[in-house]
Amino acid sequence: MERGNIKQGISLAFLGGYVDTLGFIGLFGLFTAHVTGNFVLIGRALVEPAHEIIPKLLVFPVFILFVAISRMLILHWERNSSPALRNSYLLQLFLLVATVVCADIASPMANAHQPLSLLTGMICAGAMATQNAYGKLLLGKSAATTVMTGNVTQLVIELTDSLRGDPAALGRCKVLVWPVLAFAAGCILGAYAYMSFGFTGLLVPCVVLVFMAAATKD
């Protein structure tokens, strides 16, 4: 089970980095997974008005809404003995496919304030809010998959402890290092995917979610 959690963490970290980077490029500098990063962008937009601020403001209530929806759905699935994790993957898959469809209808996106551009960003943020929610609720012992700051901090702590002679620290390092590397790989590939295929590049994480849902019974 632990090995399965590690594999899930690696796959989801790749997905998190991939979608956040592709979305950041395609949605005029909007973070859809690491939403707190938008606070920085809001601060910048306040002093440099040329930068779009409306999507950064809208993403917070949307993110909160989808976390709440995910929580209620997971509680419902658990009460009814439904496979909550598999259903969560399928919900995120649906939202990512909807993002691709909306982006295709909106193409070409002229600016971040275009209604369909805003809708694309909000659906994508909903997909990543879902991942943040089920990651906390159903994969609590796994490394974080959408923000790597905590993982990198903990990794350095564990590396330091392993150099100090703690034999268990090295094992904990192995749990953390792969999600960090997978996230970095996802960021790089997400950027290249957008430059090559636009929002159609989001079909890659969709395929990842299909395989994860098929392999999950919980």
C-alpha atoms as a PDB file:
ATOM      1  CA  MET A   1       0.000   0.000   0.000  1.00  0.00           C
ATOM      2  CA  GLU A   2       2.881   2.327   0.831  1.00  0.00           C
ATOM      3  CA  ARG A   3       4.448   1.669  -2.577  1.00  0.00           C
ATOM      4  CA  GLY A   4       1.097   2.432  -4.201  1.00  0.00           C
ATOM      5  CA  ASN A   5       0.913   5.745  -2.355  1.00  0.00           C
ATOM      6  CA  ILE A   6       4.408   6.655  -3.551  1.00  0.00           C
ATOM      7  CA  LYS A   7       3.454   5.907  -7.162  1.00  0.00           C
ATOM      8  CA  GLN A   8       0.297   7.991  -6.795  1.00  0.00           C
ATOM      9  CA  GLY A   9       2.322  10.831  -5.280  1.00  0.00           C
ATOM     10  CA  ILE A  10       4.806  10.778  -8.168  1.00  0.00           C
ATOM     11  CA  SER A  11       2.055  10.732 -10.808  1.00  0.00           C
ATOM     12  CA  LEU A  12       0.079  13.517  -9.137  1.00  0.00           C
ATOM     13  CA  ALA A  13       3.171  15.667  -8.573  1.00  0.00           C
ATOM     14  CA  PHE A  14       3.962  15.375 -12.288  1.00  0.00           C
ATOM     15  CA  LEU A  15       0.358  16.295 -13.052  1.00  0.00           C
ATOM     16  CA  GLY A  16       0.438  19.251 -10.643  1.00  0.00           C
ATOM     17  CA  GLY A  17       3.595  20.760 -12.137  1.00  0.00           C
ATOM     18  CA  TYR A  18       2.449  20.095 -15.694  1.00  0.00           C
ATOM     19  CA  VAL A  19      -1.012  21.658 -15.375  1.00  0.00           C
ATOM     20  CA  ASP A  20       0.124  24.634 -13.296  1.00  0.00           C
ATOM     21  CA  THR A  21       2.888  25.543 -15.759  1.00  0.00           C
ATOM     22  CA  LEU A  22       0.800  24.989 -18.891  1.00  0.00           C
ATOM     23  CA  GLY A  23      -2.013  27.025 -17.366  1.00  0.00           C
ATOM     24  CA  PHE A  24       0.322  29.783 -16.211  1.00  0.00           C
ATOM     25  CA  ILE A  25       1.593  30.246 -19.765  1.00  0.00           C
ATOM     26  CA  GLY A  26      -1.757  29.844 -21.500  1.00  0.00           C
ATOM     27  CA  LEU A  27      -3.879  31.801 -19.022  1.00  0.00           C
ATOM     28  CA  PHE A  28      -1.825  34.993 -18.927  1.00  0.00           C
ATOM     29  CA  GLY A  29       0.043  34.284 -15.705  1.00  0.00           C
ATOM     30  CA  LEU A  30      -2.645  32.542 -13.632  1.00  0.00           C
ATOM     31  CA  PHE A  31      -1.673  29.832 -11.144  1.00  0.00           C
ATOM     32  CA  THR A  32      -4.383  27.165 -11.154  1.00  0.00           C
ATOM     33  CA  ALA A  33      -2.844  24.706  -8.655  1.00  0.00           C
ATOM     34  CA  HIS A  34      -0.548  26.850  -6.493  1.00  0.00           C
ATOM     35  CA  VAL A  35      -3.232  29.491  -5.967  1.00  0.00           C
ATOM     36  CA  THR A  36      -1.388  31.325  -3.192  1.00  0.00           C
ATOM     37  CA  GLY A  37       1.147  32.326  -5.832  1.00  0.00           C
ATOM     38  CA  ASN A  38      -1.583  34.568  -7.204  1.00  0.00           C
ATOM     39  CA  PHE A  39      -1.234  36.795  -4.116  1.00  0.00           C
ATOM     40  CA  VAL A  40       2.166  37.830  -5.456  1.00  0.00           C
ATOM     41  CA  LEU A  41       0.693  38.501  -8.877  1.00  0.00           C
ATOM     42  CA  ILE A  42      -2.138  40.554  -7.363  1.00  0.00           C
ATOM     43  CA  GLY A  43       0.437  42.686  -5.547  1.00  0.00           C
ATOM     44  CA  ARG A  44       2.293  43.178  -8.806  1.00  0.00           C
ATOM     45  CA  ALA A  45      -0.901  44.098 -10.678  1.00  0.00           C
ATOM     46  CA  LEU A  46      -1.719  46.758  -8.082  1.00  0.00           C
ATOM     47  CA  VAL A  47       1.523  48.620  -8.804  1.00  0.00           C
ATOM     48  CA  GLU A  48       1.773  47.678 -12.498  1.00  0.00           C
ATOM     49  CA  PRO A  49      -1.818  48.058 -13.790  1.00  0.00           C
ATOM     50  CA  ALA A  50      -0.921  46.588 -17.192  1.00  0.00           C
ATOM     51  CA  HIS A  51      -1.089  43.129 -15.596  1.00  0.00           C
ATOM     52  CA  GLU A  52      -4.510  41.431 -15.407  1.00  0.00           C
ATOM     53  CA  ILE A  53      -5.889  41.256 -11.874  1.00  0.00           C
ATOM     54  CA  ILE A  54      -9.464  39.972 -12.329  1.00  0.00           C
ATOM     55  CA  PRO A  55      -8.557  36.285 -12.970  1.00  0.00           C
ATOM     56  CA  LYS A  56      -6.257  36.289  -9.914  1.00  0.00           C
ATOM     57  CA  LEU A  57      -9.096  37.610  -7.751  1.00  0.00           C
ATOM     58  CA  LEU A  58     -11.717  35.242  -9.142  1.00  0.00           C
ATOM     59  CA  VAL A  59      -9.602  32.126  -8.726  1.00  0.00           C
ATOM     60  CA  PHE A  60      -9.765  32.211  -4.908  1.00  0.00           C
ATOM     61  CA  PRO A  61     -13.556  31.838  -4.483  1.00  0.00           C
ATOM     62  CA  VAL A  62     -13.611  29.283  -7.308  1.00  0.00           C
ATOM     63  CA  PHE A  63     -10.832  27.277  -5.663  1.00  0.00           C
ATOM     64  CA  ILE A  64     -12.600  27.405  -2.295  1.00  0.00           C
ATOM     65  CA  LEU A  65     -15.886  26.345  -3.904  1.00  0.00           C
ATOM     66  CA  PHE A  66     -14.379  23.282  -5.573  1.00  0.00           C
ATOM     67  CA  VAL A  67     -12.522  22.227  -2.435  1.00  0.00           C
ATOM     68  CA  ALA A  68     -15.851  22.378  -0.583  1.00  0.00           C
ATOM     69  CA  ILE A  69     -17.623  20.468  -3.374  1.00  0.00           C
ATOM     70  CA  SER A  70     -14.892  17.817  -3.335  1.00  0.00           C
ATOM     71  CA  ARG A  71     -15.194  17.477   0.424  1.00  0.00           C
ATOM     72  CA  MET A  72     -18.951  16.965   0.249  1.00  0.00           C
ATOM     73  CA  LEU A  73     -18.679  14.494  -2.623  1.00  0.00           C
ATOM     74  CA  ILE A  74     -15.995  12.459  -0.840  1.00  0.00           C
ATOM     75  CA  LEU A  75     -18.143  12.298   2.292  1.00  0.00           C
ATOM     76  CA  HIS A  76     -21.086  11.162   0.153  1.00  0.00           C
ATOM     77  CA  TRP A  77     -19.029   8.499  -1.624  1.00  0.00           C
ATOM     78  CA  GLU A  78     -17.610   7.208   1.646  1.00  0.00           C
ATOM     79  CA  ARG A  79     -21.060   6.987   3.238  1.00  0.00           C
ATOM     80  CA  ASN A  80     -22.293   4.991   0.252  1.00  0.00           C
ATOM     81  CA  SER A  81     -19.198   2.756   0.096  1.00  0.00           C
ATOM     82  CA  SER A  82     -18.336   4.145  -3.340  1.00  0.00           C
ATOM     83  CA  PRO A  83     -14.682   4.288  -4.468  1.00  0.00           C
ATOM     84  CA  ALA A  84     -13.947   7.838  -3.306  1.00  0.00           C
ATOM     85  CA  LEU A  85     -10.413   8.085  -4.677  1.00  0.00           C
ATOM     86  CA  ARG A  86     -11.296   6.684  -8.088  1.00  0.00           C
ATOM     87  CA  ASN A  87     -14.321   8.973  -8.286  1.00  0.00           C
ATOM     88  CA  SER A  88     -12.110  11.926  -7.344  1.00  0.00           C
ATOM     89  CA  TYR A  89      -9.736  11.100 -10.190  1.00  0.00           C
ATOM     90  CA  LEU A  90     -12.687  10.899 -12.571  1.00  0.00           C
ATOM     91  CA  LEU A  91     -14.050  14.242 -11.343  1.00  0.00           C
ATOM     92  CA  GLN A  92     -10.682  15.893 -11.957  1.00  0.00           C
ATOM     93  CA  LEU A  93     -10.505  14.194 -15.361  1.00  0.00           C
ATOM     94  CA  PHE A  94     -13.912  15.602 -16.295  1.00  0.00           C
ATOM     95  CA  LEU A  95     -12.845  19.115 -15.279  1.00  0.00           C
ATOM     96  CA  LEU A  96      -9.585  18.933 -17.240  1.00  0.00           C
ATOM     97  CA  VAL A  97     -11.413  17.708 -20.351  1.00  0.00           C
ATOM     98  CA  ALA A  98     -13.880  20.578 -19.875  1.00  0.00           C
ATOM     99  CA  THR A  99     -10.898  22.945 -19.689  1.00  0.00           C
ATOM    100  CA  VAL A 100      -9.598  21.689 -23.039  1.00  0.00           C
ATOM    101  CA  VAL A 101     -13.031  22.031 -24.648  1.00  0.00           C
ATOM    102  CA  CYS A 102     -13.566  25.536 -23.258  1.00  0.00           C
ATOM    103  CA  ALA A 103     -10.091  26.642 -24.348  1.00  0.00           C
ATOM    104  CA  ASP A 104     -10.731  25.307 -27.848  1.00  0.00           C
ATOM    105  CA  ILE A 105     -13.990  27.275 -28.070  1.00  0.00           C
ATOM    106  CA  ALA A 106     -12.247  30.390 -26.718  1.00  0.00           C
ATOM    107  CA  SER A 107      -9.313  30.148 -29.143  1.00  0.00           C
ATOM    108  CA  PRO A 108      -7.632  32.415 -29.924  1.00  0.00           C
ATOM    109  CA  MET A 109      -7.550  33.965 -26.454  1.00  0.00           C
ATOM    110  CA  ALA A 110      -6.890  37.665 -26.844  1.00  0.00           C
ATOM    111  CA  ASN A 111      -6.595  38.553 -23.160  1.00  0.00           C
ATOM    112  CA  ALA A 112      -7.242  37.259 -19.653  1.00  0.00           C
ATOM    113  CA  HIS A 113     -10.498  39.226 -19.273  1.00  0.00           C
ATOM    114  CA  GLN A 114     -12.231  37.554 -22.204  1.00  0.00           C
ATOM    115  CA  PRO A 115     -15.280  35.692 -20.745  1.00  0.00           C
ATOM    116  CA  LEU A 116     -14.319  32.282 -22.166  1.00  0.00           C
ATOM    117  CA  SER A 117     -10.702  32.835 -21.159  1.00  0.00           C
ATOM    118  CA  LEU A 118     -11.858  33.488 -17.593  1.00  0.00           C
ATOM    119  CA  LEU A 119     -14.089  30.419 -17.699  1.00  0.00           C
ATOM    120  CA  THR A 120     -11.223  28.250 -18.949  1.00  0.00           C
ATOM    121  CA  GLY A 121      -9.034  29.403 -16.076  1.00  0.00           C
ATOM    122  CA  MET A 122     -11.743  28.851 -13.479  1.00  0.00           C
ATOM    123  CA  ILE A 123     -12.527  25.309 -14.683  1.00  0.00           C
ATOM    124  CA  CYS A 124      -8.829  24.456 -14.635  1.00  0.00           C
ATOM    125  CA  ALA A 125      -8.538  25.900 -11.121  1.00  0.00           C
ATOM    126  CA  GLY A 126     -11.509  23.746 -10.135  1.00  0.00           C
ATOM    127  CA  ALA A 127      -9.695  20.665 -11.423  1.00  0.00           C
ATOM    128  CA  MET A 128      -6.613  21.466  -9.369  1.00  0.00           C
ATOM    129  CA  ALA A 129      -8.675  22.382  -6.301  1.00  0.00           C
ATOM    130  CA  THR A 130     -10.093  18.871  -6.557  1.00  0.00           C
ATOM    131  CA  GLN A 131      -6.567  17.426  -6.538  1.00  0.00           C
ATOM    132  CA  ASN A 132      -5.618  19.538  -3.533  1.00  0.00           C
ATOM    133  CA  ALA A 133      -8.740  18.365  -1.696  1.00  0.00           C
ATOM    134  CA  TYR A 134      -8.501  14.620  -2.294  1.00  0.00           C
ATOM    135  CA  GLY A 135      -4.762  14.790  -1.715  1.00  0.00           C
ATOM    136  CA  LYS A 136      -5.433  16.024   1.820  1.00  0.00           C
ATOM    137  CA  LEU A 137      -8.490  13.895   2.486  1.00  0.00           C
ATOM    138  CA  LEU A 138      -7.562  10.574   0.892  1.00  0.00           C
ATOM    139  CA  LEU A 139      -3.780  10.614   0.469  1.00  0.00           C
ATOM    140  CA  GLY A 140      -2.823  12.290   3.732  1.00  0.00           C
ATOM    141  CA  LYS A 141       0.399  10.335   4.254  1.00  0.00           C
ATOM    142  CA  SER A 142       1.718  11.106   0.771  1.00  0.00           C
ATOM    143  CA  ALA A 143       3.933  14.060  -0.084  1.00  0.00           C
ATOM    144  CA  ALA A 144       2.181  17.214  -1.294  1.00  0.00           C
ATOM    145  CA  THR A 145       1.595  17.113  -5.050  1.00  0.00           C
ATOM    146  CA  THR A 146       0.765  20.691  -6.083  1.00  0.00           C
ATOM    147  CA  VAL A 147       3.238  22.813  -4.102  1.00  0.00           C
ATOM    148  CA  MET A 148       6.814  21.678  -3.555  1.00  0.00           C
ATOM    149  CA  THR A 149       8.074  24.221  -0.990  1.00  0.00           C
ATOM    150  CA  GLY A 150       7.163  22.041   1.985  1.00  0.00           C
ATOM    151  CA  ASN A 151       8.490  18.910   0.299  1.00  0.00           C
ATOM    152  CA  VAL A 152      11.827  20.528  -0.547  1.00  0.00           C
ATOM    153  CA  THR A 153      12.157  21.907   2.986  1.00  0.00           C
ATOM    154  CA  GLN A 154      11.438  18.497   4.506  1.00  0.00           C
ATOM    155  CA  LEU A 155      13.773  16.819   2.020  1.00  0.00           C
ATOM    156  CA  VAL A 156      16.671  19.054   3.061  1.00  0.00           C
ATOM    157  CA  ILE A 157      15.893  18.351   6.727  1.00  0.00           C
ATOM    158  CA  GLU A 158      15.897  14.600   6.100  1.00  0.00           C
ATOM    159  CA  LEU A 159      19.124  14.805   4.082  1.00  0.00           C
ATOM    160  CA  THR A 160      20.752  16.739   6.896  1.00  0.00           C
ATOM    161  CA  ASP A 161      19.579  14.174   9.448  1.00  0.00           C
ATOM    162  CA  SER A 162      20.821  11.312   7.285  1.00  0.00           C
ATOM    163  CA  LEU A 163      24.273  12.947   7.101  1.00  0.00           C
ATOM    164  CA  ARG A 164      24.139  13.215  10.896  1.00  0.00           C
ATOM    165  CA  GLY A 165      23.722   9.453  11.062  1.00  0.00           C
ATOM    166  CA  ASP A 166      19.959   8.925  11.293  1.00  0.00           C
ATOM    167  CA  PRO A 167      19.405   5.676   9.328  1.00  0.00           C
ATOM    168  CA  ALA A 168      15.645   6.208   8.975  1.00  0.00           C
ATOM    169  CA  ALA A 169      16.075   9.657   7.411  1.00  0.00           C
ATOM    170  CA  LEU A 170      17.418   8.244   4.155  1.00  0.00           C
ATOM    171  CA  GLY A 171      14.227   6.215   3.677  1.00  0.00           C
ATOM    172  CA  ARG A 172      12.142   9.326   4.228  1.00  0.00           C
ATOM    173  CA  CYS A 173      14.270  11.141   1.638  1.00  0.00           C
ATOM    174  CA  LYS A 174      13.344   8.562  -0.982  1.00  0.00           C
ATOM    175  CA  VAL A 175       9.660   9.211  -0.345  1.00  0.00           C
ATOM    176  CA  LEU A 176      10.125  12.945  -0.909  1.00  0.00           C
ATOM    177  CA  VAL A 177      12.676  13.164  -3.684  1.00  0.00           C
ATOM    178  CA  TRP A 178      10.615  11.459  -6.396  1.00  0.00           C
ATOM    179  CA  PRO A 179       7.580  13.775  -6.156  1.00  0.00           C
ATOM    180  CA  VAL A 180       9.917  16.789  -6.280  1.00  0.00           C
ATOM    181  CA  LEU A 181      11.644  15.465  -9.406  1.00  0.00           C
ATOM    182  CA  ALA A 182       8.309  14.496 -10.969  1.00  0.00           C
ATOM    183  CA  PHE A 183       6.919  17.982 -10.314  1.00  0.00           C
ATOM    184  CA  ALA A 184       9.977  19.569 -11.937  1.00  0.00           C
ATOM    185  CA  ALA A 185       9.639  17.269 -14.943  1.00  0.00           C
ATOM    186  CA  GLY A 186       5.948  18.146 -15.182  1.00  0.00           C
ATOM    187  CA  CYS A 187       6.749  21.873 -15.176  1.00  0.00           C
ATOM    188  CA  ILE A 188       9.242  21.484 -18.015  1.00  0.00           C
ATOM    189  CA  LEU A 189       7.041  19.221 -20.132  1.00  0.00           C
ATOM    190  CA  GLY A 190       3.951  21.360 -19.453  1.00  0.00           C
ATOM    191  CA  ALA A 191       5.750  24.410 -20.847  1.00  0.00           C
ATOM    192  CA  TYR A 192       6.886  22.578 -23.979  1.00  0.00           C
ATOM    193  CA  ALA A 193       3.442  21.018 -24.409  1.00  0.00           C
ATOM    194  CA  TYR A 194       1.735  24.406 -24.412  1.00  0.00           C
ATOM    195  CA  MET A 195       4.226  25.847 -26.895  1.00  0.00           C
ATOM    196  CA  SER A 196       3.678  22.845 -29.184  1.00  0.00           C
ATOM    197  CA  PHE A 197       0.001  21.989 -28.742  1.00  0.00           C
ATOM    198  CA  GLY A 198      -1.666  24.752 -26.723  1.00  0.00           C
ATOM    199  CA  PHE A 199      -4.352  23.601 -24.304  1.00  0.00           C
ATOM    200  CA  THR A 200      -4.623  20.289 -26.140  1.00  0.00           C
ATOM    201  CA  GLY A 201      -1.480  19.458 -24.170  1.00  0.00           C
ATOM    202  CA  LEU A 202      -3.759  18.973 -21.130  1.00  0.00           C
ATOM    203  CA  LEU A 203      -4.774  15.643 -22.639  1.00  0.00           C
ATOM    204  CA  VAL A 204      -1.523  14.216 -21.248  1.00  0.00           C
ATOM    205  CA  PRO A 205      -2.606  14.592 -17.582  1.00  0.00           C
ATOM    206  CA  CYS A 206      -6.049  13.382 -18.671  1.00  0.00           C
ATOM    207  CA  VAL A 207      -4.462  10.125 -19.828  1.00  0.00           C
ATOM    208  CA  VAL A 208      -2.543   9.906 -16.528  1.00  0.00           C
ATOM    209  CA  LEU A 209      -5.823  10.237 -14.613  1.00  0.00           C
ATOM    210  CA  VAL A 210      -7.511   7.577 -16.752  1.00  0.00           C
ATOM    211  CA  PHE A 211      -4.772   5.079 -15.884  1.00  0.00           C
ATOM    212  CA  MET A 212      -4.823   6.064 -12.209  1.00  0.00           C
ATOM    213  CA  ALA A 213      -8.588   5.693 -12.002  1.00  0.00           C
ATOM    214  CA  ALA A 214      -8.421   2.307 -13.741  1.00  0.00           C
ATOM    215  CA  ALA A 215      -5.789   1.089 -11.294  1.00  0.00           C
ATOM    216  CA  THR A 216      -7.633   2.328  -8.188  1.00  0.00           C
ATOM    217  CA  LYS A 217     -10.358   0.410  -6.377  1.00  0.00           C
ATOM    218  CA  ASP A 218     -10.614   2.641  -3.269  1.00  0.00           C
END
